[in-house]
Amino acid sequence: MNPPATSSKRTIVVLFAVAALYSWWASGLRSFTHPAALAVGVPGVVVMTMLGWSRRRPTVRAERALGRAGIVLWAAVLAVIVGWELVQYVSSPRSAHPTLSSMADRVLETHPARAAAFFGWLVVGRTILR
């Protein structure tokens, strides 16, 4: 019989491998197709379902603190992104002032880069669950 720590580590390795393989497969699908939408939607539904099943609830005090801090943080992130996009969008010449989406297109041109980004998205979903 395996000790619980070894079993837990083995489970983490298996989940990591499954997520990496899923990321590789999903990122190889043709963009804006039904299979690609399903490949993105299925992990999203799993995360949302598991969040609904979670029995642990934060205390009211912790919930309020996280709520205020979260709102401020996300508002700041959104303001920086929107500001960057607007400044770059109206600047000339366009080739010298790339938007975030045009930079992301260059970075995500290759299958390994798309797979890594998809894997990161899965990790963020897992982190939300914890």
N, C-alpha and C. Protein backbone atom coordinates (compact mmCIF):
# COMPACT_ATOMS: atom_id res chain seq x y z
N MET A 1 0.84 -1.19 0.00
CA MET A 1 0.00 0.00 0.00
C MET A 1 0.88 1.25 0.00
N ASN A 2 0.54 2.20 -0.85
CA ASN A 2 1.34 3.43 -0.96
C ASN A 2 0.96 4.40 0.15
N PRO A 3 1.95 5.12 0.66
CA PRO A 3 1.63 6.17 1.63
C PRO A 3 0.80 7.25 0.93
N PRO A 4 -0.05 7.98 1.66
CA PRO A 4 -0.90 9.01 1.04
C PRO A 4 -0.13 10.07 0.27
N ALA A 5 1.05 10.47 0.75
CA ALA A 5 1.82 11.51 0.07
C ALA A 5 2.26 11.04 -1.31
N THR A 6 2.68 9.79 -1.45
CA THR A 6 3.11 9.26 -2.73
C THR A 6 1.93 9.17 -3.69
N SER A 7 0.81 8.73 -3.19
CA SER A 7 -0.39 8.63 -4.00
C SER A 7 -0.82 10.01 -4.49
N SER A 8 -0.75 10.99 -3.62
CA SER A 8 -1.12 12.36 -3.96
C SER A 8 -0.19 12.93 -5.03
N LYS A 9 1.10 12.68 -4.88
CA LYS A 9 2.08 13.16 -5.86
C LYS A 9 1.84 12.51 -7.22
N ARG A 10 1.54 11.23 -7.20
CA ARG A 10 1.28 10.50 -8.43
C ARG A 10 0.04 11.07 -9.13
N THR A 11 -0.99 11.38 -8.36
CA THR A 11 -2.21 11.96 -8.91
C THR A 11 -1.92 13.31 -9.56
N ILE A 12 -1.11 14.11 -8.90
CA ILE A 12 -0.75 15.42 -9.45
C ILE A 12 0.01 15.27 -10.76
N VAL A 13 0.94 14.34 -10.82
CA VAL A 13 1.71 14.10 -12.05
C VAL A 13 0.78 13.65 -13.18
N VAL A 14 -0.14 12.75 -12.87
CA VAL A 14 -1.08 12.27 -13.89
C VAL A 14 -1.97 13.41 -14.37
N LEU A 15 -2.50 14.21 -13.45
CA LEU A 15 -3.34 15.35 -13.85
C LEU A 15 -2.55 16.35 -14.69
N PHE A 16 -1.31 16.60 -14.32
CA PHE A 16 -0.44 17.50 -15.08
C PHE A 16 -0.27 16.97 -16.50
N ALA A 17 0.00 15.67 -16.64
CA ALA A 17 0.20 15.07 -17.96
C ALA A 17 -1.08 15.12 -18.78
N VAL A 18 -2.21 14.83 -18.17
CA VAL A 18 -3.49 14.88 -18.88
C VAL A 18 -3.76 16.31 -19.35
N ALA A 19 -3.53 17.29 -18.49
CA ALA A 19 -3.75 18.69 -18.86
C ALA A 19 -2.82 19.11 -19.99
N ALA A 20 -1.57 18.67 -19.94
CA ALA A 20 -0.61 19.02 -21.00
C ALA A 20 -1.02 18.40 -22.33
N LEU A 21 -1.42 17.13 -22.30
CA LEU A 21 -1.87 16.47 -23.54
C LEU A 21 -3.15 17.11 -24.08
N TYR A 22 -4.08 17.42 -23.19
CA TYR A 22 -5.32 18.07 -23.61
C TYR A 22 -5.01 19.44 -24.22
N SER A 23 -4.08 20.17 -23.62
CA SER A 23 -3.70 21.48 -24.14
C SER A 23 -3.11 21.36 -25.54
N TRP A 24 -2.25 20.36 -25.73
CA TRP A 24 -1.63 20.15 -27.04
C TRP A 24 -2.70 19.83 -28.08
N TRP A 25 -3.63 18.93 -27.72
CA TRP A 25 -4.68 18.54 -28.65
C TRP A 25 -5.61 19.72 -28.96
N ALA A 26 -6.08 20.42 -27.93
CA ALA A 26 -7.04 21.51 -28.11
C ALA A 26 -6.44 22.67 -28.88
N SER A 27 -5.17 22.95 -28.67
CA SER A 27 -4.54 24.08 -29.36
C SER A 27 -4.24 23.75 -30.82
N GLY A 28 -4.34 22.50 -31.19
CA GLY A 28 -4.14 22.12 -32.59
C GLY A 28 -5.40 22.17 -33.42
N LEU A 29 -6.54 22.41 -32.78
CA LEU A 29 -7.80 22.50 -33.52
C LEU A 29 -7.88 23.82 -34.28
N ARG A 30 -8.61 23.79 -35.37
CA ARG A 30 -8.78 25.00 -36.18
C ARG A 30 -9.61 26.02 -35.41
N SER A 31 -9.15 27.26 -35.37
CA SER A 31 -9.82 28.32 -34.61
C SER A 31 -11.23 28.57 -35.12
N PHE A 32 -12.10 28.98 -34.20
CA PHE A 32 -13.47 29.38 -34.49
C PHE A 32 -14.30 28.27 -35.14
N THR A 33 -14.07 27.03 -34.71
CA THR A 33 -14.87 25.90 -35.16
C THR A 33 -15.60 25.33 -33.95
N HIS A 34 -16.59 24.49 -34.21
CA HIS A 34 -17.33 23.87 -33.10
C HIS A 34 -16.42 23.00 -32.22
N PRO A 35 -15.53 22.17 -32.81
CA PRO A 35 -14.64 21.39 -31.95
C PRO A 35 -13.76 22.27 -31.06
N ALA A 36 -13.27 23.38 -31.60
CA ALA A 36 -12.44 24.28 -30.79
C ALA A 36 -13.26 24.91 -29.67
N ALA A 37 -14.49 25.30 -29.97
CA ALA A 37 -15.35 25.87 -28.94
C ALA A 37 -15.63 24.86 -27.84
N LEU A 38 -15.87 23.62 -28.21
CA LEU A 38 -16.10 22.57 -27.21
C LEU A 38 -14.84 22.31 -26.38
N ALA A 39 -13.69 22.32 -27.04
CA ALA A 39 -12.43 22.07 -26.34
C ALA A 39 -12.17 23.14 -25.29
N VAL A 40 -12.61 24.36 -25.53
CA VAL A 40 -12.45 25.44 -24.55
C VAL A 40 -13.59 25.40 -23.54
N GLY A 41 -14.78 25.08 -24.01
CA GLY A 41 -15.95 25.10 -23.13
C GLY A 41 -16.00 24.00 -22.10
N VAL A 42 -15.54 22.81 -22.46
CA VAL A 42 -15.61 21.68 -21.53
C VAL A 42 -14.84 21.95 -20.23
N PRO A 43 -13.58 22.39 -20.28
CA PRO A 43 -12.89 22.70 -19.01
C PRO A 43 -13.59 23.84 -18.25
N GLY A 44 -14.15 24.79 -18.97
CA GLY A 44 -14.87 25.88 -18.31
C GLY A 44 -16.08 25.37 -17.55
N VAL A 45 -16.83 24.46 -18.16
CA VAL A 45 -18.00 23.88 -17.50
C VAL A 45 -17.57 23.05 -16.30
N VAL A 46 -16.47 22.31 -16.44
CA VAL A 46 -15.97 21.51 -15.32
C VAL A 46 -15.62 22.42 -14.14
N VAL A 47 -14.92 23.50 -14.40
CA VAL A 47 -14.54 24.43 -13.32
C VAL A 47 -15.78 25.03 -12.67
N MET A 48 -16.73 25.48 -13.48
CA MET A 48 -17.93 26.09 -12.93
C MET A 48 -18.74 25.07 -12.11
N THR A 49 -18.82 23.84 -12.58
CA THR A 49 -19.54 22.79 -11.85
C THR A 49 -18.86 22.50 -10.53
N MET A 50 -17.54 22.38 -10.56
CA MET A 50 -16.82 22.08 -9.33
C MET A 50 -16.90 23.23 -8.34
N LEU A 51 -16.94 24.46 -8.83
CA LEU A 51 -17.10 25.60 -7.93
C LEU A 51 -18.47 25.54 -7.25
N GLY A 52 -19.48 25.11 -7.98
CA GLY A 52 -20.81 24.97 -7.40
C GLY A 52 -20.88 23.87 -6.36
N TRP A 53 -20.05 22.84 -6.50
CA TRP A 53 -20.03 21.73 -5.54
C TRP A 53 -19.19 22.02 -4.31
N SER A 54 -18.40 23.07 -4.37
CA SER A 54 -17.50 23.37 -3.26
C SER A 54 -18.30 23.62 -1.99
N ARG A 55 -17.92 22.94 -0.92
CA ARG A 55 -18.61 23.08 0.36
C ARG A 55 -17.97 24.16 1.23
N ARG A 56 -16.71 24.47 0.93
CA ARG A 56 -16.02 25.47 1.73
C ARG A 56 -16.48 26.86 1.31
N ARG A 57 -16.91 27.63 2.25
CA ARG A 57 -17.34 29.00 1.99
C ARG A 57 -16.49 29.94 2.84
N PRO A 58 -16.05 31.04 2.26
CA PRO A 58 -15.28 31.99 3.07
C PRO A 58 -16.16 32.65 4.12
N THR A 59 -15.54 33.11 5.17
CA THR A 59 -16.29 33.84 6.19
C THR A 59 -16.75 35.16 5.58
N VAL A 60 -17.75 35.75 6.19
CA VAL A 60 -18.28 37.02 5.67
C VAL A 60 -17.19 38.08 5.64
N ARG A 61 -16.37 38.13 6.69
CA ARG A 61 -15.29 39.13 6.76
C ARG A 61 -14.28 38.90 5.63
N ALA A 62 -13.86 37.64 5.42
CA ALA A 62 -12.91 37.33 4.35
C ALA A 62 -13.53 37.62 2.99
N GLU A 63 -14.80 37.32 2.85
CA GLU A 63 -15.49 37.56 1.58
C GLU A 63 -15.52 39.05 1.25
N ARG A 64 -15.79 39.88 2.25
CA ARG A 64 -15.82 41.33 2.04
C ARG A 64 -14.44 41.86 1.67
N ALA A 65 -13.40 41.39 2.38
CA ALA A 65 -12.03 41.84 2.11
C ALA A 65 -11.61 41.43 0.71
N LEU A 66 -11.88 40.18 0.35
CA LEU A 66 -11.53 39.71 -0.99
C LEU A 66 -12.33 40.45 -2.04
N GLY A 67 -13.58 40.75 -1.74
CA GLY A 67 -14.43 41.46 -2.69
C GLY A 67 -13.89 42.84 -3.01
N ARG A 68 -13.56 43.62 -1.98
CA ARG A 68 -13.04 44.98 -2.20
C ARG A 68 -11.70 44.95 -2.91
N ALA A 69 -10.80 44.11 -2.42
CA ALA A 69 -9.46 44.02 -3.02
C ALA A 69 -9.57 43.51 -4.46
N GLY A 70 -10.43 42.56 -4.70
CA GLY A 70 -10.61 42.01 -6.04
C GLY A 70 -11.15 43.05 -7.01
N ILE A 71 -12.12 43.82 -6.55
CA ILE A 71 -12.70 44.86 -7.41
C ILE A 71 -11.64 45.89 -7.78
N VAL A 72 -10.87 46.34 -6.81
CA VAL A 72 -9.83 47.33 -7.07
C VAL A 72 -8.78 46.76 -8.02
N LEU A 73 -8.34 45.54 -7.76
CA LEU A 73 -7.32 44.91 -8.61
C LEU A 73 -7.81 44.75 -10.04
N TRP A 74 -8.99 44.18 -10.23
CA TRP A 74 -9.51 43.95 -11.57
C TRP A 74 -9.81 45.26 -12.29
N ALA A 75 -10.27 46.28 -11.58
CA ALA A 75 -10.51 47.59 -12.19
C ALA A 75 -9.20 48.19 -12.68
N ALA A 76 -8.14 48.05 -11.90
CA ALA A 76 -6.83 48.57 -12.30
C ALA A 76 -6.29 47.82 -13.51
N VAL A 77 -6.40 46.50 -13.50
CA VAL A 77 -5.94 45.70 -14.64
C VAL A 77 -6.71 46.09 -15.90
N LEU A 78 -8.02 46.19 -15.79
CA LEU A 78 -8.86 46.56 -16.94
C LEU A 78 -8.51 47.96 -17.46
N ALA A 79 -8.29 48.90 -16.55
CA ALA A 79 -7.94 50.26 -16.96
C ALA A 79 -6.61 50.30 -17.71
N VAL A 80 -5.62 49.55 -17.24
CA VAL A 80 -4.32 49.51 -17.91
C VAL A 80 -4.45 48.90 -19.30
N ILE A 81 -5.17 47.80 -19.41
CA ILE A 81 -5.33 47.13 -20.71
C ILE A 81 -6.08 48.01 -21.69
N VAL A 82 -7.19 48.58 -21.26
CA VAL A 82 -7.98 49.44 -22.15
C VAL A 82 -7.17 50.68 -22.55
N GLY A 83 -6.47 51.26 -21.59
CA GLY A 83 -5.64 52.43 -21.91
C GLY A 83 -4.57 52.10 -22.92
N TRP A 84 -3.87 50.99 -22.71
CA TRP A 84 -2.83 50.56 -23.65
C TRP A 84 -3.42 50.36 -25.05
N GLU A 85 -4.50 49.62 -25.13
CA GLU A 85 -5.13 49.34 -26.43
C GLU A 85 -5.53 50.62 -27.15
N LEU A 86 -6.14 51.56 -26.43
CA LEU A 86 -6.59 52.80 -27.07
C LEU A 86 -5.42 53.65 -27.55
N VAL A 87 -4.40 53.78 -26.73
CA VAL A 87 -3.23 54.58 -27.12
C VAL A 87 -2.56 53.96 -28.35
N GLN A 88 -2.36 52.66 -28.33
CA GLN A 88 -1.70 52.00 -29.44
C GLN A 88 -2.56 52.00 -30.70
N TYR A 89 -3.86 51.88 -30.52
CA TYR A 89 -4.77 51.83 -31.67
C TYR A 89 -4.79 53.14 -32.46
N VAL A 90 -4.71 54.27 -31.77
CA VAL A 90 -4.78 55.56 -32.46
C VAL A 90 -3.40 56.08 -32.87
N SER A 91 -2.34 55.44 -32.43
CA SER A 91 -0.99 55.91 -32.76
C SER A 91 -0.61 55.49 -34.18
N SER A 92 0.22 56.31 -34.81
CA SER A 92 0.68 56.00 -36.16
C SER A 92 2.19 55.94 -36.16
N PRO A 93 2.84 55.19 -36.97
CA PRO A 93 2.30 54.13 -37.82
C PRO A 93 1.92 52.91 -36.99
N ARG A 94 0.95 52.15 -37.47
CA ARG A 94 0.44 50.99 -36.72
C ARG A 94 1.53 49.96 -36.47
N SER A 95 2.45 49.78 -37.42
CA SER A 95 3.51 48.78 -37.25
C SER A 95 4.45 49.13 -36.08
N ALA A 96 4.58 50.40 -35.77
CA ALA A 96 5.45 50.83 -34.67
C ALA A 96 4.71 50.87 -33.33
N HIS A 97 3.38 50.74 -33.36
CA HIS A 97 2.57 50.81 -32.15
C HIS A 97 1.60 49.63 -32.10
N PRO A 98 2.13 48.45 -31.77
CA PRO A 98 1.26 47.27 -31.78
C PRO A 98 0.28 47.24 -30.61
N THR A 99 -0.89 46.68 -30.85
CA THR A 99 -1.85 46.47 -29.77
C THR A 99 -1.52 45.14 -29.09
N LEU A 100 -2.13 44.90 -27.95
CA LEU A 100 -1.90 43.64 -27.24
C LEU A 100 -2.31 42.44 -28.09
N SER A 101 -3.41 42.58 -28.82
CA SER A 101 -3.87 41.47 -29.64
C SER A 101 -2.90 41.18 -30.78
N SER A 102 -2.32 42.21 -31.38
CA SER A 102 -1.37 41.95 -32.46
C SER A 102 -0.07 41.33 -31.92
N MET A 103 0.33 41.72 -30.70
CA MET A 103 1.51 41.10 -30.10
C MET A 103 1.21 39.65 -29.73
N ALA A 104 0.01 39.40 -29.23
CA ALA A 104 -0.37 38.02 -28.88
C ALA A 104 -0.41 37.15 -30.13
N ASP A 105 -0.87 37.70 -31.25
CA ASP A 105 -0.90 36.93 -32.50
C ASP A 105 0.51 36.47 -32.88
N ARG A 106 1.47 37.35 -32.74
CA ARG A 106 2.85 36.98 -33.08
C ARG A 106 3.39 35.91 -32.15
N VAL A 107 3.09 36.05 -30.86
CA VAL A 107 3.59 35.09 -29.87
C VAL A 107 2.92 33.73 -30.05
N LEU A 108 1.63 33.72 -30.37
CA LEU A 108 0.86 32.48 -30.44
C LEU A 108 0.79 31.89 -31.84
N GLU A 109 1.73 32.25 -32.70
CA GLU A 109 1.76 31.71 -34.06
C GLU A 109 2.05 30.21 -34.08
N THR A 110 2.85 29.75 -33.15
CA THR A 110 3.27 28.35 -33.18
C THR A 110 2.38 27.48 -32.30
N HIS A 111 2.29 26.22 -32.66
CA HIS A 111 1.49 25.28 -31.89
C HIS A 111 2.00 25.12 -30.45
N PRO A 112 3.32 25.00 -30.22
CA PRO A 112 3.78 24.90 -28.83
C PRO A 112 3.41 26.12 -27.98
N ALA A 113 3.46 27.31 -28.56
CA ALA A 113 3.09 28.52 -27.80
C ALA A 113 1.60 28.52 -27.48
N ARG A 114 0.77 28.12 -28.43
CA ARG A 114 -0.67 28.04 -28.18
C ARG A 114 -0.97 26.98 -27.11
N ALA A 115 -0.27 25.84 -27.18
CA ALA A 115 -0.47 24.78 -26.19
C ALA A 115 -0.06 25.27 -24.80
N ALA A 116 1.04 26.00 -24.71
CA ALA A 116 1.49 26.52 -23.42
C ALA A 116 0.48 27.53 -22.86
N ALA A 117 -0.05 28.38 -23.73
CA ALA A 117 -1.05 29.36 -23.29
C ALA A 117 -2.33 28.65 -22.83
N PHE A 118 -2.75 27.62 -23.55
CA PHE A 118 -3.94 26.87 -23.17
C PHE A 118 -3.71 26.17 -21.84
N PHE A 119 -2.53 25.60 -21.66
CA PHE A 119 -2.18 24.94 -20.40
C PHE A 119 -2.22 25.96 -19.26
N GLY A 120 -1.70 27.15 -19.50
CA GLY A 120 -1.76 28.20 -18.49
C GLY A 120 -3.19 28.55 -18.13
N TRP A 121 -4.06 28.57 -19.13
CA TRP A 121 -5.48 28.84 -18.90
C TRP A 121 -6.09 27.75 -18.01
N LEU A 122 -5.72 26.50 -18.27
CA LEU A 122 -6.19 25.40 -17.43
C LEU A 122 -5.69 25.53 -16.00
N VAL A 123 -4.42 25.94 -15.85
CA VAL A 123 -3.85 26.11 -14.50
C VAL A 123 -4.58 27.23 -13.76
N VAL A 124 -4.91 28.30 -14.44
CA VAL A 124 -5.66 29.39 -13.79
C VAL A 124 -7.01 28.88 -13.33
N GLY A 125 -7.68 28.07 -14.16
CA GLY A 125 -8.96 27.49 -13.76
C GLY A 125 -8.82 26.61 -12.53
N ARG A 126 -7.77 25.83 -12.49
CA ARG A 126 -7.50 24.97 -11.33
C ARG A 126 -7.22 25.82 -10.09
N THR A 127 -6.51 26.90 -10.27
CA THR A 127 -6.20 27.78 -9.16
C THR A 127 -7.49 28.40 -8.60
N ILE A 128 -8.41 28.74 -9.48
CA ILE A 128 -9.69 29.31 -9.03
C ILE A 128 -10.42 28.27 -8.17
N LEU A 129 -10.33 27.02 -8.56
CA LEU A 129 -11.00 25.97 -7.78
C LEU A 129 -10.45 25.85 -6.37
N ARG A 130 -9.16 26.08 -6.21
CA ARG A 130 -8.54 25.92 -4.88
C ARG A 130 -8.96 27.08 -4.03
